[in-house]
Amino acid sequence: MSGHSAVTAIFRRVRVIPVIVMDDPSHAVGVADALAAGGLPCAEITLRTPAAMECLKRMSDARPDVLVGAGTVLSEKQAAGAIKAGAKFVVSPGFSESVVDFCLAHQVPIYPGVCTPTEIEMALRQGLSELKFFPAEAMGGVKYLKAVSAPYRDVRFIPTGGVTPANILEYLAIGAVIACGGSWMTPADQIAAGRFGQIEQSARSASALVQSGESTP
């Protein structure tokens, strides 16, 4: 199984990928521990803060059993830094040819963001068929994703952006969806306060939700 296939297999198993914004590296290991204990041994650390790269490194170093990747990767430089820090996968908000080319050259799984047929076809030309669908809700949500994915029967998506416990099962019911990205399990205030027990419980609840298939109002 290739690296890309192995990462995708984990996404398929967990069904929901915690998407995290972190300001303090001292909280990184606590968050990783909480997610793993709650049944979600994976994390997408978004490169939206100055501390993000160090958070990624600490989490990756301390918990090799947790699949840690980098999100909001906008440039080759960021991709290189994330890979050096230990990222096992890279996610970009849009389709950046330079980021895609860099990751492919370094054999690191890349999930570029797409939201139109044109972008999907750009990804296909690069040999990529497992893509982030972003921003999911703002682009039209489940109805739009069903429509845009219909002509591309071999393409699979990870909807992210506005995904919540109230709508995640609708996304997961789409055959073309691998998993969803969500941030509600790791709110910034709980991370900042070190409330890792609450994060663990949120992860456990999210995991139970997506595995049971029973909707939350």
C-alpha atoms as a PDB file:
ATOM      1  CA  MET A   1       0.000   0.000   0.000  1.00  0.00           C
ATOM      2  CA  SER A   2       1.427   3.392  -0.989  1.00  0.00           C
ATOM      3  CA  GLY A   3       1.804   6.236   1.484  1.00  0.00           C
ATOM      4  CA  HIS A   4      -1.141   8.031  -0.065  1.00  0.00           C
ATOM      5  CA  SER A   5      -3.323   4.927   0.065  1.00  0.00           C
ATOM      6  CA  ALA A   6      -2.351   4.274   3.683  1.00  0.00           C
ATOM      7  CA  VAL A   7      -3.300   7.811   4.743  1.00  0.00           C
ATOM      8  CA  THR A   8      -6.589   7.642   2.856  1.00  0.00           C
ATOM      9  CA  ALA A   9      -7.340   4.291   4.505  1.00  0.00           C
ATOM     10  CA  ILE A  10      -7.021   5.911   7.929  1.00  0.00           C
ATOM     11  CA  PHE A  11      -9.297   8.756   6.843  1.00  0.00           C
ATOM     12  CA  ARG A  12     -11.866   6.222   5.674  1.00  0.00           C
ATOM     13  CA  ARG A  13     -11.700   4.445   8.999  1.00  0.00           C
ATOM     14  CA  VAL A  14     -12.037   7.477  11.286  1.00  0.00           C
ATOM     15  CA  ARG A  15     -14.509   9.303   8.970  1.00  0.00           C
ATOM     16  CA  VAL A  16     -13.857  12.685  10.610  1.00  0.00           C
ATOM     17  CA  ILE A  17     -10.509  14.503  10.609  1.00  0.00           C
ATOM     18  CA  PRO A  18      -9.899  17.040  13.401  1.00  0.00           C
ATOM     19  CA  VAL A  19      -8.827  20.347  11.854  1.00  0.00           C
ATOM     20  CA  ILE A  20      -6.876  22.338  14.418  1.00  0.00           C
ATOM     21  CA  VAL A  21      -5.714  25.933  14.872  1.00  0.00           C
ATOM     22  CA  MET A  22      -3.131  26.144  17.664  1.00  0.00           C
ATOM     23  CA  ASP A  23      -1.250  29.095  19.136  1.00  0.00           C
ATOM     24  CA  ASP A  24       0.844  27.420  21.836  1.00  0.00           C
ATOM     25  CA  PRO A  25       3.176  24.479  21.166  1.00  0.00           C
ATOM     26  CA  SER A  26       2.992  23.449  24.820  1.00  0.00           C
ATOM     27  CA  HIS A  27      -0.552  22.218  24.179  1.00  0.00           C
ATOM     28  CA  ALA A  28       0.280  20.090  21.143  1.00  0.00           C
ATOM     29  CA  VAL A  29       0.943  16.786  22.885  1.00  0.00           C
ATOM     30  CA  GLY A  30      -2.076  17.187  25.153  1.00  0.00           C
ATOM     31  CA  VAL A  31      -4.320  17.663  22.134  1.00  0.00           C
ATOM     32  CA  ALA A  32      -2.828  14.625  20.380  1.00  0.00           C
ATOM     33  CA  ASP A  33      -3.281  12.512  23.507  1.00  0.00           C
ATOM     34  CA  ALA A  34      -6.899  13.644  23.857  1.00  0.00           C
ATOM     35  CA  LEU A  35      -7.784  12.928  20.233  1.00  0.00           C
ATOM     36  CA  ALA A  36      -6.196   9.483  20.308  1.00  0.00           C
ATOM     37  CA  ALA A  37      -7.906   8.607  23.595  1.00  0.00           C
ATOM     38  CA  GLY A  38     -11.200   9.734  22.083  1.00  0.00           C
ATOM     39  CA  GLY A  39     -10.829   7.446  19.091  1.00  0.00           C
ATOM     40  CA  LEU A  40      -9.568   9.947  16.505  1.00  0.00           C
ATOM     41  CA  PRO A  41      -5.837   9.255  16.069  1.00  0.00           C
ATOM     42  CA  CYS A  42      -5.313  11.882  13.391  1.00  0.00           C
ATOM     43  CA  ALA A  43      -4.990  15.652  13.148  1.00  0.00           C
ATOM     44  CA  GLU A  44      -4.671  18.351  10.516  1.00  0.00           C
ATOM     45  CA  ILE A  45      -2.657  21.231  11.981  1.00  0.00           C
ATOM     46  CA  THR A  46      -3.494  24.340   9.983  1.00  0.00           C
ATOM     47  CA  LEU A  47      -0.596  26.671   9.257  1.00  0.00           C
ATOM     48  CA  ARG A  48      -2.563  29.735  10.313  1.00  0.00           C
ATOM     49  CA  THR A  49      -0.487  30.735  13.333  1.00  0.00           C
ATOM     50  CA  PRO A  50       3.228  31.390  13.906  1.00  0.00           C
ATOM     51  CA  ALA A  51       3.300  28.436  16.305  1.00  0.00           C
ATOM     52  CA  ALA A  52       1.681  25.939  13.948  1.00  0.00           C
ATOM     53  CA  MET A  53       4.866  24.378  12.589  1.00  0.00           C
ATOM     54  CA  GLU A  54       6.284  23.790  16.063  1.00  0.00           C
ATOM     55  CA  CYS A  55       2.940  22.374  17.202  1.00  0.00           C
ATOM     56  CA  LEU A  56       3.037  19.962  14.281  1.00  0.00           C
ATOM     57  CA  LYS A  57       6.595  18.909  15.123  1.00  0.00           C
ATOM     58  CA  ARG A  58       5.899  18.310  18.794  1.00  0.00           C
ATOM     59  CA  MET A  59       2.754  16.360  18.095  1.00  0.00           C
ATOM     60  CA  SER A  60       4.433  14.243  15.426  1.00  0.00           C
ATOM     61  CA  ASP A  61       7.520  13.565  17.561  1.00  0.00           C
ATOM     62  CA  ALA A  62       5.584  12.664  20.698  1.00  0.00           C
ATOM     63  CA  ARG A  63       2.823  10.595  19.114  1.00  0.00           C
ATOM     64  CA  PRO A  64       4.050   8.671  16.063  1.00  0.00           C
ATOM     65  CA  ASP A  65       0.877   6.589  16.368  1.00  0.00           C
ATOM     66  CA  VAL A  66      -1.220   9.667  15.562  1.00  0.00           C
ATOM     67  CA  LEU A  67      -1.472  10.590  11.876  1.00  0.00           C
ATOM     68  CA  VAL A  68      -0.433  14.254  11.854  1.00  0.00           C
ATOM     69  CA  GLY A  69      -0.582  16.430   8.753  1.00  0.00           C
ATOM     70  CA  ALA A  70      -0.405  20.078   7.759  1.00  0.00           C
ATOM     71  CA  GLY A  71      -3.348  22.115   6.515  1.00  0.00           C
ATOM     72  CA  THR A  72      -3.687  25.549   4.919  1.00  0.00           C
ATOM     73  CA  VAL A  73      -0.430  24.948   3.038  1.00  0.00           C
ATOM     74  CA  LEU A  74      -0.071  27.789   0.551  1.00  0.00           C
ATOM     75  CA  SER A  75       3.489  27.492  -0.783  1.00  0.00           C
ATOM     76  CA  GLU A  76       6.338  25.115  -1.508  1.00  0.00           C
ATOM     77  CA  LYS A  77       8.235  26.647   1.414  1.00  0.00           C
ATOM     78  CA  GLN A  78       5.414  25.821   3.806  1.00  0.00           C
ATOM     79  CA  ALA A  79       5.120  22.319   2.376  1.00  0.00           C
ATOM     80  CA  ALA A  80       8.847  21.764   2.837  1.00  0.00           C
ATOM     81  CA  GLY A  81       8.722  23.054   6.405  1.00  0.00           C
ATOM     82  CA  ALA A  82       5.732  20.900   7.251  1.00  0.00           C
ATOM     83  CA  ILE A  83       7.327  17.763   5.841  1.00  0.00           C
ATOM     84  CA  LYS A  84      10.529  18.495   7.757  1.00  0.00           C
ATOM     85  CA  ALA A  85       8.455  18.947  10.918  1.00  0.00           C
ATOM     86  CA  GLY A  86       6.958  15.502  10.452  1.00  0.00           C
ATOM     87  CA  ALA A  87       3.752  16.014   8.479  1.00  0.00           C
ATOM     88  CA  LYS A  88       2.520  12.713   7.057  1.00  0.00           C
ATOM     89  CA  PHE A  89       0.137  14.454   4.663  1.00  0.00           C
ATOM     90  CA  VAL A  90      -0.465  17.939   3.268  1.00  0.00           C
ATOM     91  CA  VAL A  91      -3.753  19.737   2.660  1.00  0.00           C
ATOM     92  CA  SER A  92      -4.161  23.000   0.742  1.00  0.00           C
ATOM     93  CA  PRO A  93      -7.268  25.210   0.630  1.00  0.00           C
ATOM     94  CA  GLY A  94      -7.071  25.573  -3.141  1.00  0.00           C
ATOM     95  CA  PHE A  95      -5.346  23.904  -6.055  1.00  0.00           C
ATOM     96  CA  SER A  96      -1.735  25.110  -6.026  1.00  0.00           C
ATOM     97  CA  GLU A  97       0.278  23.444  -8.780  1.00  0.00           C
ATOM     98  CA  SER A  98       3.555  24.284  -7.058  1.00  0.00           C
ATOM     99  CA  VAL A  99       2.466  22.718  -3.764  1.00  0.00           C
ATOM    100  CA  VAL A 100       1.075  19.670  -5.553  1.00  0.00           C
ATOM    101  CA  ASP A 101       4.234  19.217  -7.622  1.00  0.00           C
ATOM    102  CA  PHE A 102       6.453  19.579  -4.550  1.00  0.00           C
ATOM    103  CA  CYS A 103       4.522  17.014  -2.536  1.00  0.00           C
ATOM    104  CA  LEU A 104       4.371  14.545  -5.409  1.00  0.00           C
ATOM    105  CA  ALA A 105       8.119  14.922  -5.965  1.00  0.00           C
ATOM    106  CA  HIS A 106       8.722  14.171  -2.277  1.00  0.00           C
ATOM    107  CA  GLN A 107       6.169  11.336  -2.201  1.00  0.00           C
ATOM    108  CA  VAL A 108       4.068  12.997   0.486  1.00  0.00           C
ATOM    109  CA  PRO A 109       0.282  12.559   0.221  1.00  0.00           C
ATOM    110  CA  ILE A 110      -1.344  15.807  -0.920  1.00  0.00           C
ATOM    111  CA  TYR A 111      -5.054  16.616  -0.768  1.00  0.00           C
ATOM    112  CA  PRO A 112      -5.566  19.899  -2.632  1.00  0.00           C
ATOM    113  CA  GLY A 113      -8.714  21.931  -2.223  1.00  0.00           C
ATOM    114  CA  VAL A 114     -11.190  22.085  -5.088  1.00  0.00           C
ATOM    115  CA  CYS A 115     -14.723  23.393  -5.501  1.00  0.00           C
ATOM    116  CA  THR A 116     -15.371  23.540  -9.261  1.00  0.00           C
ATOM    117  CA  PRO A 117     -15.247  21.115 -12.204  1.00  0.00           C
ATOM    118  CA  THR A 118     -12.279  23.043 -13.602  1.00  0.00           C
ATOM    119  CA  GLU A 119     -10.272  22.498 -10.417  1.00  0.00           C
ATOM    120  CA  ILE A 120     -11.262  18.836 -10.255  1.00  0.00           C
ATOM    121  CA  GLU A 121      -9.964  18.362 -13.796  1.00  0.00           C
ATOM    122  CA  MET A 122      -6.736  20.191 -12.939  1.00  0.00           C
ATOM    123  CA  ALA A 123      -6.221  17.694 -10.124  1.00  0.00           C
ATOM    124  CA  LEU A 124      -7.000  14.754 -12.383  1.00  0.00           C
ATOM    125  CA  ARG A 125      -4.364  15.939 -14.853  1.00  0.00           C
ATOM    126  CA  GLN A 126      -1.850  15.709 -11.997  1.00  0.00           C
ATOM    127  CA  GLY A 127      -2.964  12.171 -11.239  1.00  0.00           C
ATOM    128  CA  LEU A 128      -4.886  13.122  -8.098  1.00  0.00           C
ATOM    129  CA  SER A 129      -8.382  11.795  -7.478  1.00  0.00           C
ATOM    130  CA  GLU A 130      -8.724  12.221  -3.691  1.00  0.00           C
ATOM    131  CA  LEU A 131      -9.394  15.865  -2.989  1.00  0.00           C
ATOM    132  CA  LYS A 132     -10.476  18.310  -0.325  1.00  0.00           C
ATOM    133  CA  PHE A 133     -13.844  19.943  -1.071  1.00  0.00           C
ATOM    134  CA  PHE A 134     -13.601  23.452   0.373  1.00  0.00           C
ATOM    135  CA  PRO A 135     -15.373  25.545   1.560  1.00  0.00           C
ATOM    136  CA  ALA A 136     -18.072  22.899   1.710  1.00  0.00           C
ATOM    137  CA  GLU A 137     -21.066  24.682   3.199  1.00  0.00           C
ATOM    138  CA  ALA A 138     -20.340  28.087   1.651  1.00  0.00           C
ATOM    139  CA  MET A 139     -20.173  26.498  -1.808  1.00  0.00           C
ATOM    140  CA  GLY A 140     -23.611  24.933  -1.478  1.00  0.00           C
ATOM    141  CA  GLY A 141     -23.103  22.001   0.833  1.00  0.00           C
ATOM    142  CA  VAL A 142     -24.364  18.500   0.210  1.00  0.00           C
ATOM    143  CA  LYS A 143     -26.562  19.437  -2.743  1.00  0.00           C
ATOM    144  CA  TYR A 144     -23.694  21.131  -4.588  1.00  0.00           C
ATOM    145  CA  LEU A 145     -21.215  18.348  -3.849  1.00  0.00           C
ATOM    146  CA  LYS A 146     -23.610  15.729  -5.199  1.00  0.00           C
ATOM    147  CA  ALA A 147     -24.002  17.736  -8.394  1.00  0.00           C
ATOM    148  CA  VAL A 148     -20.342  18.586  -8.953  1.00  0.00           C
ATOM    149  CA  SER A 149     -19.123  15.064  -8.178  1.00  0.00           C
ATOM    150  CA  ALA A 150     -21.641  13.265 -10.402  1.00  0.00           C
ATOM    151  CA  PRO A 151     -19.599  13.405 -13.658  1.00  0.00           C
ATOM    152  CA  TYR A 152     -16.403  12.283 -11.885  1.00  0.00           C
ATOM    153  CA  ARG A 153     -17.147   8.766 -10.744  1.00  0.00           C
ATOM    154  CA  ASP A 154     -13.578   7.946  -9.747  1.00  0.00           C
ATOM    155  CA  VAL A 155     -12.971  11.103  -7.698  1.00  0.00           C
ATOM    156  CA  ARG A 156     -13.324  11.103  -3.915  1.00  0.00           C
ATOM    157  CA  PHE A 157     -13.705  14.090  -1.616  1.00  0.00           C
ATOM    158  CA  ILE A 158     -13.041  15.302   1.920  1.00  0.00           C
ATOM    159  CA  PRO A 159     -15.602  18.055   2.593  1.00  0.00           C
ATOM    160  CA  THR A 160     -14.289  20.708   4.972  1.00  0.00           C
ATOM    161  CA  GLY A 161     -15.613  24.086   6.005  1.00  0.00           C
ATOM    162  CA  GLY A 162     -18.874  24.417   7.876  1.00  0.00           C
ATOM    163  CA  VAL A 163     -19.129  20.701   8.609  1.00  0.00           C
ATOM    164  CA  THR A 164     -20.789  20.121  11.997  1.00  0.00           C
ATOM    165  CA  PRO A 165     -22.389  17.298  13.982  1.00  0.00           C
ATOM    166  CA  ALA A 166     -25.711  18.410  12.496  1.00  0.00           C
ATOM    167  CA  ASN A 167     -24.726  17.876   8.856  1.00  0.00           C
ATOM    168  CA  ILE A 168     -21.742  15.525   8.773  1.00  0.00           C
ATOM    169  CA  LEU A 169     -23.816  12.392   8.224  1.00  0.00           C
ATOM    170  CA  GLU A 170     -25.393  13.943   5.135  1.00  0.00           C
ATOM    171  CA  TYR A 171     -21.921  14.395   3.676  1.00  0.00           C
ATOM    172  CA  LEU A 172     -20.764  10.927   4.693  1.00  0.00           C
ATOM    173  CA  ALA A 173     -23.816   9.417   3.016  1.00  0.00           C
ATOM    174  CA  ILE A 174     -22.497  10.603  -0.356  1.00  0.00           C
ATOM    175  CA  GLY A 175     -20.678   7.724  -1.995  1.00  0.00           C
ATOM    176  CA  ALA A 176     -17.877   9.971  -3.222  1.00  0.00           C
ATOM    177  CA  VAL A 177     -16.967  11.150   0.291  1.00  0.00           C
ATOM    178  CA  ILE A 178     -13.978   9.603   2.073  1.00  0.00           C
ATOM    179  CA  ALA A 179     -14.281  11.531   5.334  1.00  0.00           C
ATOM    180  CA  CYS A 180     -14.986  15.070   6.522  1.00  0.00           C
ATOM    181  CA  GLY A 181     -12.769  17.670   8.142  1.00  0.00           C
ATOM    182  CA  GLY A 182     -14.171  19.314  11.256  1.00  0.00           C
ATOM    183  CA  SER A 183     -12.982  21.745  13.906  1.00  0.00           C
ATOM    184  CA  TRP A 184     -15.704  21.468  16.550  1.00  0.00           C
ATOM    185  CA  MET A 185     -13.792  18.796  18.514  1.00  0.00           C
ATOM    186  CA  THR A 186     -10.870  21.142  19.166  1.00  0.00           C
ATOM    187  CA  PRO A 187     -12.194  24.659  19.919  1.00  0.00           C
ATOM    188  CA  ALA A 188      -9.503  27.273  20.456  1.00  0.00           C
ATOM    189  CA  ASP A 189     -10.686  28.221  23.936  1.00  0.00           C
ATOM    190  CA  GLN A 190     -10.471  24.642  25.190  1.00  0.00           C
ATOM    191  CA  ILE A 191      -7.003  24.202  23.707  1.00  0.00           C
ATOM    192  CA  ALA A 192      -5.809  27.485  25.236  1.00  0.00           C
ATOM    193  CA  ALA A 193      -7.178  26.502  28.655  1.00  0.00           C
ATOM    194  CA  GLY A 194      -5.678  23.022  28.462  1.00  0.00           C
ATOM    195  CA  ARG A 195      -9.077  21.386  28.821  1.00  0.00           C
ATOM    196  CA  PHE A 196      -7.937  18.174  27.210  1.00  0.00           C
ATOM    197  CA  GLY A 197     -10.575  16.080  28.947  1.00  0.00           C
ATOM    198  CA  GLN A 198     -13.277  18.024  27.132  1.00  0.00           C
ATOM    199  CA  ILE A 199     -11.443  17.608  23.833  1.00  0.00           C
ATOM    200  CA  GLU A 200     -11.217  13.864  24.447  1.00  0.00           C
ATOM    201  CA  GLN A 201     -14.946  13.708  25.122  1.00  0.00           C
ATOM    202  CA  SER A 202     -15.717  15.728  21.987  1.00  0.00           C
ATOM    203  CA  ALA A 203     -13.522  13.393  19.943  1.00  0.00           C
ATOM    204  CA  ARG A 204     -15.246  10.365  21.442  1.00  0.00           C
ATOM    205  CA  SER A 205     -18.675  11.815  20.690  1.00  0.00           C
ATOM    206  CA  ALA A 206     -17.678  12.687  17.125  1.00  0.00           C
ATOM    207  CA  SER A 207     -16.272   9.218  16.547  1.00  0.00           C
ATOM    208  CA  ALA A 208     -19.403   7.585  17.927  1.00  0.00           C
ATOM    209  CA  LEU A 209     -21.581   9.811  15.754  1.00  0.00           C
ATOM    210  CA  VAL A 210     -19.880   9.001  12.466  1.00  0.00           C
ATOM    211  CA  GLN A 211     -19.582   5.306  13.238  1.00  0.00           C
ATOM    212  CA  SER A 212     -23.202   4.942  14.341  1.00  0.00           C
ATOM    213  CA  GLY A 213     -24.697   6.985  11.525  1.00  0.00           C
ATOM    214  CA  GLU A 214     -27.264   8.550  13.837  1.00  0.00           C
ATOM    215  CA  SER A 215     -27.767  12.260  13.263  1.00  0.00           C
ATOM    216  CA  THR A 216     -27.292  14.938  15.913  1.00  0.00           C
ATOM    217  CA  PRO A 217     -29.792  17.830  15.874  1.00  0.00           C
END
